[in-house]
């Protein structure tokens, strides 16, 4: 006849404590993953907005504006619409024009994704 060895198993309380620890760890990992995805999205938006601003400055260098002032517009890049505000004003010394470009991801222009400054020769 074989004898069964009685081993000490986990109590219900020990199992519940282990489940709580695992649940907290999973929640922390999910939050870290969400923050990483959000950071990636914001970095992608800033990069695209920088490219939009650089393209606008390049266009202004190729076809310089005849006057200072403000203008608005929109463009498409990477399958998205981008909205921008351009402020052209004399730079200190009056030898150049200062161009400030603010790029927005929505048409309401609530908060700029990126702002960029460039200079144009007179």
Foldseek 3Di string as FASTA:
>chain_A
DDDDDDDDDDDPVRVVVVVVVVVVVVVVVVVVVVVVVVVVVLVVLLVVQVVVVVVVVVVCQVPPDPDFAKDKDWDDDPRAIKIKIWGWDQDPPNQKIKIKIFIDRDPVCPDGSDIDIDIYGD
